[in-house]
N, C-alpha and C. Protein backbone atom coordinates (compact mmCIF):
# COMPACT_ATOMS: atom_id res chain seq x y z
N MET A 1 74.13 110.81 122.10
CA MET A 1 75.00 111.67 121.31
C MET A 1 74.14 112.71 120.62
N ASN A 2 74.51 113.96 120.76
CA ASN A 2 73.73 115.01 120.12
C ASN A 2 74.20 115.23 118.68
N ILE A 3 73.48 116.04 117.95
CA ILE A 3 73.75 116.23 116.53
C ILE A 3 75.11 116.89 116.30
N VAL A 4 75.56 117.74 117.23
CA VAL A 4 76.88 118.36 117.08
C VAL A 4 77.97 117.29 117.16
N ASP A 5 77.82 116.36 118.12
CA ASP A 5 78.79 115.26 118.23
C ASP A 5 78.76 114.38 116.97
N LYS A 6 77.56 114.11 116.46
CA LYS A 6 77.43 113.31 115.25
C LYS A 6 78.12 114.00 114.08
N ALA A 7 77.93 115.29 113.97
CA ALA A 7 78.54 116.04 112.87
C ALA A 7 80.05 115.98 112.93
N LYS A 8 80.60 115.99 114.14
CA LYS A 8 82.06 115.89 114.29
C LYS A 8 82.54 114.49 113.90
N LEU A 9 81.79 113.48 114.29
CA LEU A 9 82.19 112.10 114.01
C LEU A 9 81.93 111.70 112.56
N TYR A 10 80.89 112.27 111.96
CA TYR A 10 80.47 111.87 110.63
C TYR A 10 80.32 113.10 109.72
N PRO A 11 81.43 113.74 109.39
CA PRO A 11 81.31 114.94 108.55
C PRO A 11 80.77 114.59 107.18
N ARG A 12 79.93 115.46 106.63
CA ARG A 12 79.32 115.22 105.32
C ARG A 12 80.24 115.58 104.18
N LYS A 13 81.01 116.61 104.34
CA LYS A 13 81.85 117.05 103.23
C LYS A 13 83.26 117.26 103.73
N SER A 14 84.19 116.90 102.90
CA SER A 14 85.59 117.08 103.24
C SER A 14 86.36 117.24 101.94
N SER A 15 87.43 117.99 101.99
CA SER A 15 88.23 118.15 100.78
C SER A 15 89.02 116.90 100.48
N GLU A 16 89.20 116.05 101.48
CA GLU A 16 89.91 114.80 101.23
C GLU A 16 88.96 113.62 101.44
N THR A 17 89.17 112.57 100.68
CA THR A 17 88.34 111.38 100.85
C THR A 17 88.93 110.56 101.99
N LYS A 18 88.10 110.24 102.96
CA LYS A 18 88.56 109.52 104.14
C LYS A 18 87.47 108.53 104.50
N THR A 19 87.69 107.28 104.18
CA THR A 19 86.66 106.28 104.44
C THR A 19 86.62 105.94 105.92
N GLN A 20 85.49 105.43 106.33
CA GLN A 20 85.26 105.03 107.70
C GLN A 20 84.65 103.64 107.66
N SER A 21 84.90 102.85 108.68
CA SER A 21 84.34 101.51 108.71
C SER A 21 82.85 101.54 109.10
N LEU A 22 82.07 100.86 108.31
CA LEU A 22 80.65 100.68 108.62
C LEU A 22 80.49 100.03 109.99
N TYR A 23 81.41 99.15 110.32
CA TYR A 23 81.29 98.36 111.54
C TYR A 23 81.46 99.17 112.82
N ASP A 24 81.88 100.42 112.71
CA ASP A 24 82.04 101.28 113.89
C ASP A 24 80.78 102.07 114.21
N ILE A 25 79.78 102.01 113.34
CA ILE A 25 78.57 102.81 113.52
C ILE A 25 77.65 102.15 114.54
N LYS A 26 77.07 102.97 115.38
CA LYS A 26 76.15 102.50 116.42
C LYS A 26 74.71 102.71 115.98
N ILE A 27 73.90 101.68 116.19
CA ILE A 27 72.46 101.76 115.93
C ILE A 27 71.78 100.75 116.85
N ASN A 28 70.53 101.02 117.17
CA ASN A 28 69.76 100.11 118.03
C ASN A 28 68.75 99.34 117.21
N ASP A 29 68.36 98.17 117.74
CA ASP A 29 67.29 97.43 117.09
C ASP A 29 65.95 98.08 117.45
N ILE A 30 64.88 97.54 116.95
CA ILE A 30 63.57 98.14 117.14
C ILE A 30 63.13 98.15 118.60
N ASN A 31 63.75 97.29 119.41
CA ASN A 31 63.45 97.26 120.85
C ASN A 31 64.43 98.09 121.66
N ASN A 32 65.22 98.89 120.96
CA ASN A 32 66.19 99.80 121.57
C ASN A 32 67.40 99.11 122.19
N ASN A 33 67.70 97.89 121.71
CA ASN A 33 68.91 97.20 122.14
C ASN A 33 70.02 97.50 121.14
N PRO A 34 71.24 97.74 121.61
CA PRO A 34 72.34 98.05 120.69
C PRO A 34 72.60 96.90 119.72
N ILE A 35 72.86 97.26 118.47
CA ILE A 35 73.28 96.30 117.45
C ILE A 35 74.75 96.54 117.20
N SER A 36 75.53 95.49 117.21
CA SER A 36 76.94 95.60 116.84
C SER A 36 77.07 95.16 115.39
N LEU A 37 77.20 96.12 114.49
CA LEU A 37 77.31 95.77 113.07
C LEU A 37 78.54 94.91 112.81
N SER A 38 79.54 95.00 113.68
CA SER A 38 80.75 94.19 113.49
C SER A 38 80.46 92.69 113.61
N GLU A 39 79.37 92.33 114.26
CA GLU A 39 79.03 90.90 114.36
C GLU A 39 78.62 90.33 113.00
N PHE A 40 78.39 91.21 112.04
CA PHE A 40 78.00 90.76 110.70
C PHE A 40 79.18 90.73 109.73
N LYS A 41 80.39 90.96 110.22
CA LYS A 41 81.57 90.86 109.34
C LYS A 41 81.57 89.48 108.71
N GLY A 42 81.86 89.44 107.43
CA GLY A 42 81.84 88.17 106.71
C GLY A 42 80.52 87.88 106.03
N LYS A 43 79.52 88.69 106.28
CA LYS A 43 78.22 88.54 105.61
C LYS A 43 77.90 89.80 104.82
N TRP A 44 77.16 89.64 103.75
CA TRP A 44 76.65 90.77 103.00
C TRP A 44 75.52 91.40 103.81
N LEU A 45 75.32 92.69 103.64
CA LEU A 45 74.26 93.41 104.34
C LEU A 45 73.41 94.17 103.32
N LEU A 46 72.11 94.12 103.50
CA LEU A 46 71.21 94.92 102.68
C LEU A 46 70.42 95.81 103.64
N PHE A 47 70.68 97.11 103.55
CA PHE A 47 69.99 98.10 104.38
C PHE A 47 68.83 98.68 103.58
N VAL A 48 67.66 98.75 104.20
CA VAL A 48 66.46 99.25 103.53
C VAL A 48 65.70 100.15 104.49
N ASN A 49 65.37 101.36 104.05
CA ASN A 49 64.48 102.20 104.86
C ASN A 49 63.05 101.78 104.55
N VAL A 50 62.33 101.38 105.58
CA VAL A 50 61.02 100.76 105.41
C VAL A 50 59.91 101.62 106.01
N ALA A 51 58.69 101.38 105.54
CA ALA A 51 57.51 102.09 106.03
C ALA A 51 56.27 101.21 105.83
N SER A 52 55.38 101.24 106.79
CA SER A 52 54.21 100.36 106.79
C SER A 52 53.05 100.82 105.93
N GLU A 53 53.01 102.10 105.55
CA GLU A 53 51.86 102.61 104.81
C GLU A 53 52.25 103.13 103.43
N CYS A 54 53.19 102.48 102.81
CA CYS A 54 53.74 102.91 101.52
C CYS A 54 53.26 101.97 100.42
N GLY A 55 53.23 102.46 99.21
CA GLY A 55 52.89 101.61 98.07
C GLY A 55 53.89 100.48 97.88
N PHE A 56 55.09 100.64 98.40
CA PHE A 56 56.13 99.60 98.29
C PHE A 56 56.14 98.66 99.50
N THR A 57 55.22 98.84 100.45
CA THR A 57 55.23 98.05 101.68
C THR A 57 55.19 96.56 101.42
N LYS A 58 54.55 96.15 100.32
CA LYS A 58 54.50 94.71 100.03
C LYS A 58 55.90 94.13 99.78
N GLN A 59 56.91 95.00 99.60
CA GLN A 59 58.27 94.49 99.44
C GLN A 59 58.78 93.83 100.72
N TYR A 60 58.13 94.06 101.86
CA TYR A 60 58.49 93.35 103.08
C TYR A 60 58.53 91.84 102.83
N LYS A 61 57.53 91.33 102.12
CA LYS A 61 57.44 89.89 101.85
C LYS A 61 58.65 89.42 101.05
N GLU A 62 59.00 90.16 100.01
CA GLU A 62 60.14 89.78 99.18
C GLU A 62 61.46 89.98 99.92
N LEU A 63 61.53 90.98 100.80
CA LEU A 63 62.74 91.14 101.63
C LEU A 63 62.90 89.93 102.54
N GLN A 64 61.79 89.42 103.07
CA GLN A 64 61.86 88.22 103.91
C GLN A 64 62.29 87.01 103.08
N THR A 65 61.77 86.90 101.86
CA THR A 65 62.19 85.80 100.97
C THR A 65 63.68 85.90 100.67
N LEU A 66 64.15 87.10 100.39
CA LEU A 66 65.58 87.31 100.14
C LEU A 66 66.40 86.90 101.36
N SER A 67 65.96 87.34 102.53
CA SER A 67 66.65 87.00 103.77
C SER A 67 66.69 85.48 103.98
N ASP A 68 65.57 84.81 103.77
CA ASP A 68 65.50 83.35 103.94
C ASP A 68 66.36 82.62 102.90
N THR A 69 66.30 83.08 101.66
CA THR A 69 67.02 82.41 100.57
C THR A 69 68.53 82.50 100.73
N TYR A 70 69.02 83.63 101.20
CA TYR A 70 70.46 83.85 101.29
C TYR A 70 70.94 83.98 102.73
N LYS A 71 70.24 83.31 103.66
CA LYS A 71 70.52 83.50 105.09
C LYS A 71 71.95 83.13 105.50
N GLU A 72 72.61 82.29 104.73
CA GLU A 72 73.99 81.90 105.07
C GLU A 72 74.98 83.02 104.76
N LYS A 73 74.62 83.93 103.85
CA LYS A 73 75.58 84.95 103.46
C LYS A 73 75.07 86.38 103.51
N LEU A 74 73.77 86.58 103.80
CA LEU A 74 73.18 87.92 103.77
C LEU A 74 72.39 88.20 105.03
N VAL A 75 72.50 89.45 105.52
CA VAL A 75 71.66 89.93 106.60
C VAL A 75 70.88 91.13 106.06
N VAL A 76 69.55 91.03 106.10
CA VAL A 76 68.68 92.14 105.70
C VAL A 76 68.39 92.95 106.96
N ILE A 77 68.56 94.27 106.85
CA ILE A 77 68.31 95.16 107.99
C ILE A 77 67.36 96.26 107.53
N GLY A 78 66.16 96.25 108.09
CA GLY A 78 65.16 97.26 107.77
C GLY A 78 65.15 98.36 108.82
N SER A 79 65.17 99.59 108.36
CA SER A 79 65.14 100.74 109.27
C SER A 79 63.86 101.54 109.04
N PRO A 80 62.90 101.42 109.96
CA PRO A 80 61.67 102.21 109.82
C PRO A 80 61.99 103.71 109.78
N CYS A 81 61.28 104.39 108.90
CA CYS A 81 61.51 105.82 108.69
C CYS A 81 60.19 106.48 108.34
N ASN A 82 59.93 107.64 108.93
CA ASN A 82 58.67 108.35 108.73
C ASN A 82 58.87 109.64 107.92
N GLN A 83 59.94 109.73 107.15
CA GLN A 83 60.26 110.97 106.46
C GLN A 83 59.61 111.14 105.09
N PHE A 84 59.04 110.08 104.55
CA PHE A 84 58.48 110.15 103.20
C PHE A 84 56.97 109.96 103.30
N GLY A 85 56.23 111.03 103.17
CA GLY A 85 54.77 110.96 103.21
C GLY A 85 54.21 110.54 104.55
N GLN A 86 55.01 110.64 105.62
CA GLN A 86 54.56 110.23 106.96
C GLN A 86 53.97 108.82 106.93
N GLN A 87 54.65 107.92 106.20
CA GLN A 87 54.11 106.58 105.96
C GLN A 87 54.56 105.53 106.97
N GLU A 88 55.26 105.97 108.03
CA GLU A 88 55.61 105.07 109.13
C GLU A 88 55.33 105.78 110.45
N PRO A 89 54.03 106.00 110.75
CA PRO A 89 53.68 106.75 111.96
C PRO A 89 53.73 105.91 113.25
N GLY A 90 53.80 104.60 113.12
CA GLY A 90 53.68 103.73 114.29
C GLY A 90 54.85 103.76 115.25
N GLU A 91 54.56 103.28 116.45
CA GLU A 91 55.59 103.07 117.47
C GLU A 91 56.23 101.70 117.21
N ALA A 92 57.33 101.43 117.88
CA ALA A 92 58.10 100.20 117.66
C ALA A 92 57.23 98.94 117.73
N SER A 93 56.41 98.82 118.78
CA SER A 93 55.60 97.61 118.94
C SER A 93 54.59 97.46 117.81
N GLU A 94 54.02 98.58 117.35
CA GLU A 94 53.06 98.54 116.25
C GLU A 94 53.74 98.13 114.94
N ILE A 95 54.93 98.65 114.71
CA ILE A 95 55.68 98.31 113.50
C ILE A 95 56.02 96.82 113.49
N GLN A 96 56.53 96.33 114.63
CA GLN A 96 56.87 94.90 114.72
C GLN A 96 55.66 94.02 114.48
N GLU A 97 54.56 94.33 115.12
CA GLU A 97 53.35 93.53 114.98
C GLU A 97 52.86 93.55 113.53
N PHE A 98 52.83 94.72 112.92
CA PHE A 98 52.40 94.86 111.53
C PHE A 98 53.26 94.00 110.62
N CYS A 99 54.57 94.09 110.77
CA CYS A 99 55.49 93.35 109.90
C CYS A 99 55.37 91.84 110.08
N ALA A 100 55.26 91.42 111.33
CA ALA A 100 55.15 89.98 111.61
C ALA A 100 53.82 89.41 111.12
N LEU A 101 52.73 90.08 111.44
CA LEU A 101 51.41 89.56 111.08
C LEU A 101 51.14 89.60 109.58
N ASN A 102 51.52 90.68 108.93
CA ASN A 102 51.19 90.85 107.52
C ASN A 102 52.20 90.26 106.55
N PHE A 103 53.46 90.17 106.97
CA PHE A 103 54.50 89.75 106.03
C PHE A 103 55.44 88.69 106.59
N GLY A 104 55.23 88.22 107.80
CA GLY A 104 56.07 87.20 108.40
C GLY A 104 57.52 87.64 108.58
N VAL A 105 57.73 88.92 108.80
CA VAL A 105 59.08 89.46 108.90
C VAL A 105 59.80 88.93 110.14
N THR A 106 60.96 88.33 109.90
CA THR A 106 61.84 87.92 110.99
C THR A 106 63.23 88.55 110.85
N PHE A 107 63.47 89.23 109.72
CA PHE A 107 64.78 89.88 109.56
C PHE A 107 64.87 91.06 110.53
N LEU A 108 66.08 91.53 110.72
CA LEU A 108 66.37 92.56 111.71
C LEU A 108 65.75 93.91 111.36
N LEU A 109 65.04 94.48 112.32
CA LEU A 109 64.52 95.83 112.19
C LEU A 109 65.22 96.71 113.22
N THR A 110 65.57 97.92 112.80
CA THR A 110 66.22 98.86 113.70
C THR A 110 65.19 99.80 114.32
N GLU A 111 65.69 100.64 115.19
CA GLU A 111 64.89 101.73 115.71
C GLU A 111 64.44 102.62 114.55
N LYS A 112 63.40 103.39 114.74
CA LYS A 112 62.96 104.34 113.71
C LYS A 112 64.01 105.44 113.62
N ILE A 113 64.44 105.75 112.40
CA ILE A 113 65.51 106.72 112.20
C ILE A 113 65.17 107.69 111.07
N ASP A 114 65.97 108.75 110.98
CA ASP A 114 65.93 109.65 109.83
C ASP A 114 67.02 109.20 108.86
N VAL A 115 66.68 109.12 107.59
CA VAL A 115 67.66 108.68 106.58
C VAL A 115 68.16 109.83 105.73
N LYS A 116 67.67 111.05 106.03
CA LYS A 116 68.12 112.24 105.32
C LYS A 116 67.90 113.44 106.25
N GLY A 117 68.44 114.58 105.86
CA GLY A 117 68.21 115.80 106.62
C GLY A 117 69.17 116.02 107.77
N SER A 118 68.88 117.03 108.57
CA SER A 118 69.80 117.44 109.64
C SER A 118 69.92 116.41 110.76
N LEU A 119 68.94 115.53 110.91
CA LEU A 119 69.01 114.49 111.93
C LEU A 119 69.29 113.11 111.34
N GLN A 120 69.86 113.09 110.14
CA GLN A 120 70.19 111.84 109.46
C GLN A 120 71.04 110.96 110.38
N HIS A 121 70.63 109.70 110.49
CA HIS A 121 71.35 108.75 111.34
C HIS A 121 72.75 108.51 110.78
N PRO A 122 73.74 108.31 111.64
CA PRO A 122 75.11 108.04 111.16
C PRO A 122 75.21 106.88 110.17
N LEU A 123 74.36 105.86 110.29
CA LEU A 123 74.38 104.76 109.33
C LEU A 123 74.10 105.29 107.93
N TYR A 124 73.09 106.13 107.81
CA TYR A 124 72.73 106.65 106.49
C TYR A 124 73.66 107.77 106.04
N ILE A 125 74.30 108.43 106.98
CA ILE A 125 75.36 109.36 106.58
C ILE A 125 76.46 108.57 105.88
N TRP A 126 76.83 107.42 106.46
CA TRP A 126 77.87 106.56 105.87
C TRP A 126 77.41 106.01 104.52
N LEU A 127 76.19 105.49 104.47
CA LEU A 127 75.69 104.88 103.24
C LEU A 127 75.62 105.88 102.09
N THR A 128 75.36 107.16 102.39
CA THR A 128 75.12 108.15 101.34
C THR A 128 76.31 109.07 101.07
N SER A 129 77.43 108.88 101.75
CA SER A 129 78.57 109.78 101.61
C SER A 129 79.82 109.07 101.10
N LYS A 130 80.24 109.40 99.90
CA LYS A 130 81.47 108.83 99.34
C LYS A 130 82.67 109.09 100.23
N ASN A 131 82.68 110.24 100.91
CA ASN A 131 83.79 110.55 101.79
C ASN A 131 83.94 109.52 102.90
N LEU A 132 82.86 108.86 103.27
CA LEU A 132 82.90 107.87 104.34
C LEU A 132 82.91 106.44 103.82
N ASN A 133 82.08 106.15 102.80
CA ASN A 133 81.97 104.77 102.32
C ASN A 133 83.00 104.44 101.23
N GLY A 134 83.64 105.47 100.69
CA GLY A 134 84.70 105.25 99.70
C GLY A 134 84.22 104.85 98.31
N LYS A 135 82.92 104.76 98.09
CA LYS A 135 82.39 104.28 96.81
C LYS A 135 81.61 105.35 96.04
N LYS A 136 80.52 105.83 96.65
CA LYS A 136 79.70 106.83 95.95
C LYS A 136 78.78 107.54 96.92
N SER A 137 78.38 108.74 96.50
CA SER A 137 77.40 109.51 97.27
C SER A 137 76.02 109.31 96.64
N SER A 138 75.01 109.45 97.46
CA SER A 138 73.63 109.31 96.99
C SER A 138 72.72 110.07 97.94
N SER A 139 71.47 110.12 97.60
CA SER A 139 70.47 110.63 98.53
C SER A 139 69.31 109.64 98.53
N VAL A 140 68.67 109.52 99.66
CA VAL A 140 67.54 108.60 99.77
C VAL A 140 66.32 109.32 99.22
N LYS A 141 65.73 108.75 98.17
CA LYS A 141 64.63 109.40 97.46
C LYS A 141 63.25 109.03 98.00
N TRP A 142 63.11 107.79 98.55
CA TRP A 142 61.79 107.34 98.99
C TRP A 142 61.96 106.11 99.86
N ASN A 143 60.85 105.63 100.42
CA ASN A 143 60.86 104.40 101.21
C ASN A 143 61.33 103.22 100.36
N PHE A 144 61.92 102.25 101.00
CA PHE A 144 62.37 101.00 100.39
C PHE A 144 63.52 101.19 99.40
N GLN A 145 64.33 102.22 99.61
CA GLN A 145 65.59 102.32 98.86
C GLN A 145 66.57 101.36 99.54
N LYS A 146 67.35 100.67 98.74
CA LYS A 146 68.21 99.60 99.25
C LYS A 146 69.69 99.92 99.05
N TYR A 147 70.50 99.55 100.05
CA TYR A 147 71.95 99.73 99.99
C TYR A 147 72.59 98.37 100.26
N LEU A 148 73.41 97.90 99.32
CA LEU A 148 74.06 96.60 99.45
C LEU A 148 75.52 96.79 99.82
N VAL A 149 75.94 96.09 100.88
CA VAL A 149 77.30 96.15 101.40
C VAL A 149 77.86 94.74 101.36
N ASP A 150 79.10 94.60 100.89
CA ASP A 150 79.68 93.25 100.78
C ASP A 150 80.17 92.72 102.13
N ALA A 151 80.68 91.51 102.13
CA ALA A 151 81.08 90.82 103.34
C ALA A 151 82.27 91.46 104.04
N ASN A 152 82.93 92.39 103.37
CA ASN A 152 84.06 93.10 103.97
C ASN A 152 83.69 94.52 104.40
N GLY A 153 82.42 94.85 104.32
CA GLY A 153 81.97 96.17 104.76
C GLY A 153 82.10 97.26 103.72
N ASN A 154 82.20 96.87 102.44
CA ASN A 154 82.32 97.84 101.35
C ASN A 154 80.97 98.05 100.69
N LEU A 155 80.59 99.32 100.50
CA LEU A 155 79.36 99.61 99.78
C LEU A 155 79.52 99.11 98.34
N ILE A 156 78.55 98.35 97.87
CA ILE A 156 78.55 97.86 96.49
C ILE A 156 77.74 98.81 95.62
N ASP A 157 76.48 99.05 96.01
CA ASP A 157 75.63 99.93 95.22
C ASP A 157 74.35 100.20 96.00
N TYR A 158 73.54 101.09 95.46
CA TYR A 158 72.22 101.34 96.02
C TYR A 158 71.20 101.19 94.91
N TYR A 159 69.96 100.92 95.32
CA TYR A 159 68.88 100.63 94.39
C TYR A 159 67.64 101.38 94.85
N TYR A 160 67.01 102.06 93.92
CA TYR A 160 65.80 102.81 94.25
C TYR A 160 64.66 101.87 94.59
N SER A 161 63.59 102.42 95.11
CA SER A 161 62.43 101.66 95.59
C SER A 161 61.84 100.73 94.55
N ILE A 162 61.90 101.10 93.28
CA ILE A 162 61.29 100.27 92.24
C ILE A 162 62.05 98.97 92.01
N THR A 163 63.29 98.87 92.48
CA THR A 163 64.05 97.62 92.36
C THR A 163 63.54 96.65 93.41
N LYS A 164 63.00 95.53 92.96
CA LYS A 164 62.47 94.54 93.87
C LYS A 164 63.62 93.82 94.59
N PRO A 165 63.39 93.43 95.84
CA PRO A 165 64.45 92.78 96.61
C PRO A 165 65.06 91.54 95.95
N MET A 166 64.27 90.76 95.22
CA MET A 166 64.79 89.55 94.58
C MET A 166 65.30 89.82 93.16
N SER A 167 65.43 91.10 92.79
CA SER A 167 65.94 91.47 91.47
C SER A 167 67.35 90.91 91.27
N SER A 168 67.65 90.55 90.04
CA SER A 168 68.99 90.04 89.72
C SER A 168 70.04 91.13 89.94
N LYS A 169 69.64 92.40 89.95
CA LYS A 169 70.59 93.47 90.23
C LYS A 169 71.19 93.28 91.63
N ILE A 170 70.41 92.72 92.54
CA ILE A 170 70.87 92.46 93.90
C ILE A 170 71.39 91.03 94.03
N THR A 171 70.60 90.06 93.60
CA THR A 171 70.95 88.65 93.85
C THR A 171 72.19 88.19 93.10
N LYS A 172 72.55 88.84 92.00
CA LYS A 172 73.77 88.42 91.25
C LYS A 172 75.00 88.52 92.14
N HIS A 173 74.99 89.39 93.12
CA HIS A 173 76.12 89.55 94.03
C HIS A 173 76.16 88.45 95.09
N LEU A 174 75.06 87.77 95.29
CA LEU A 174 74.95 86.81 96.38
C LEU A 174 75.10 85.36 95.95
N LYS A 175 75.21 85.15 94.65
CA LYS A 175 75.28 83.76 94.12
C LYS A 175 76.68 83.25 94.11
């Protein structure tokens, strides 16, 4: 799908608020296999734009702890992104190896995507646009910004990079 098609499917601005289902968005895993977000209906989702060479990279460990602790009700999805300080230069295999060896990451990683700008992935268009998510608009400021979605596919809130994955701001929703 080219950017013109994406723009038609995921308009950024509209005079009317028109929500769209998160579960209709297409994205691939880090090995380029399609992910069906609808398979996660009934579970909370935490989307995080991740990078291997960032000061917040150690949050991978806490994201894994969060994933393990709440595995019955939460799916953590990390999306590698190279838009902030070029801090995710690696290819898919390098990213996977780095995450597994250094942080024991087993939670879901997506393909490398853009989370802002003219090539912003439809997932992040949805996460950052009130017109689509029905809750609030935002912009991704840096690596490891987090977006929490409830078990019904509703955006709950977003948290900047400084919010640790095991913060009560996030975990209070999962208890």
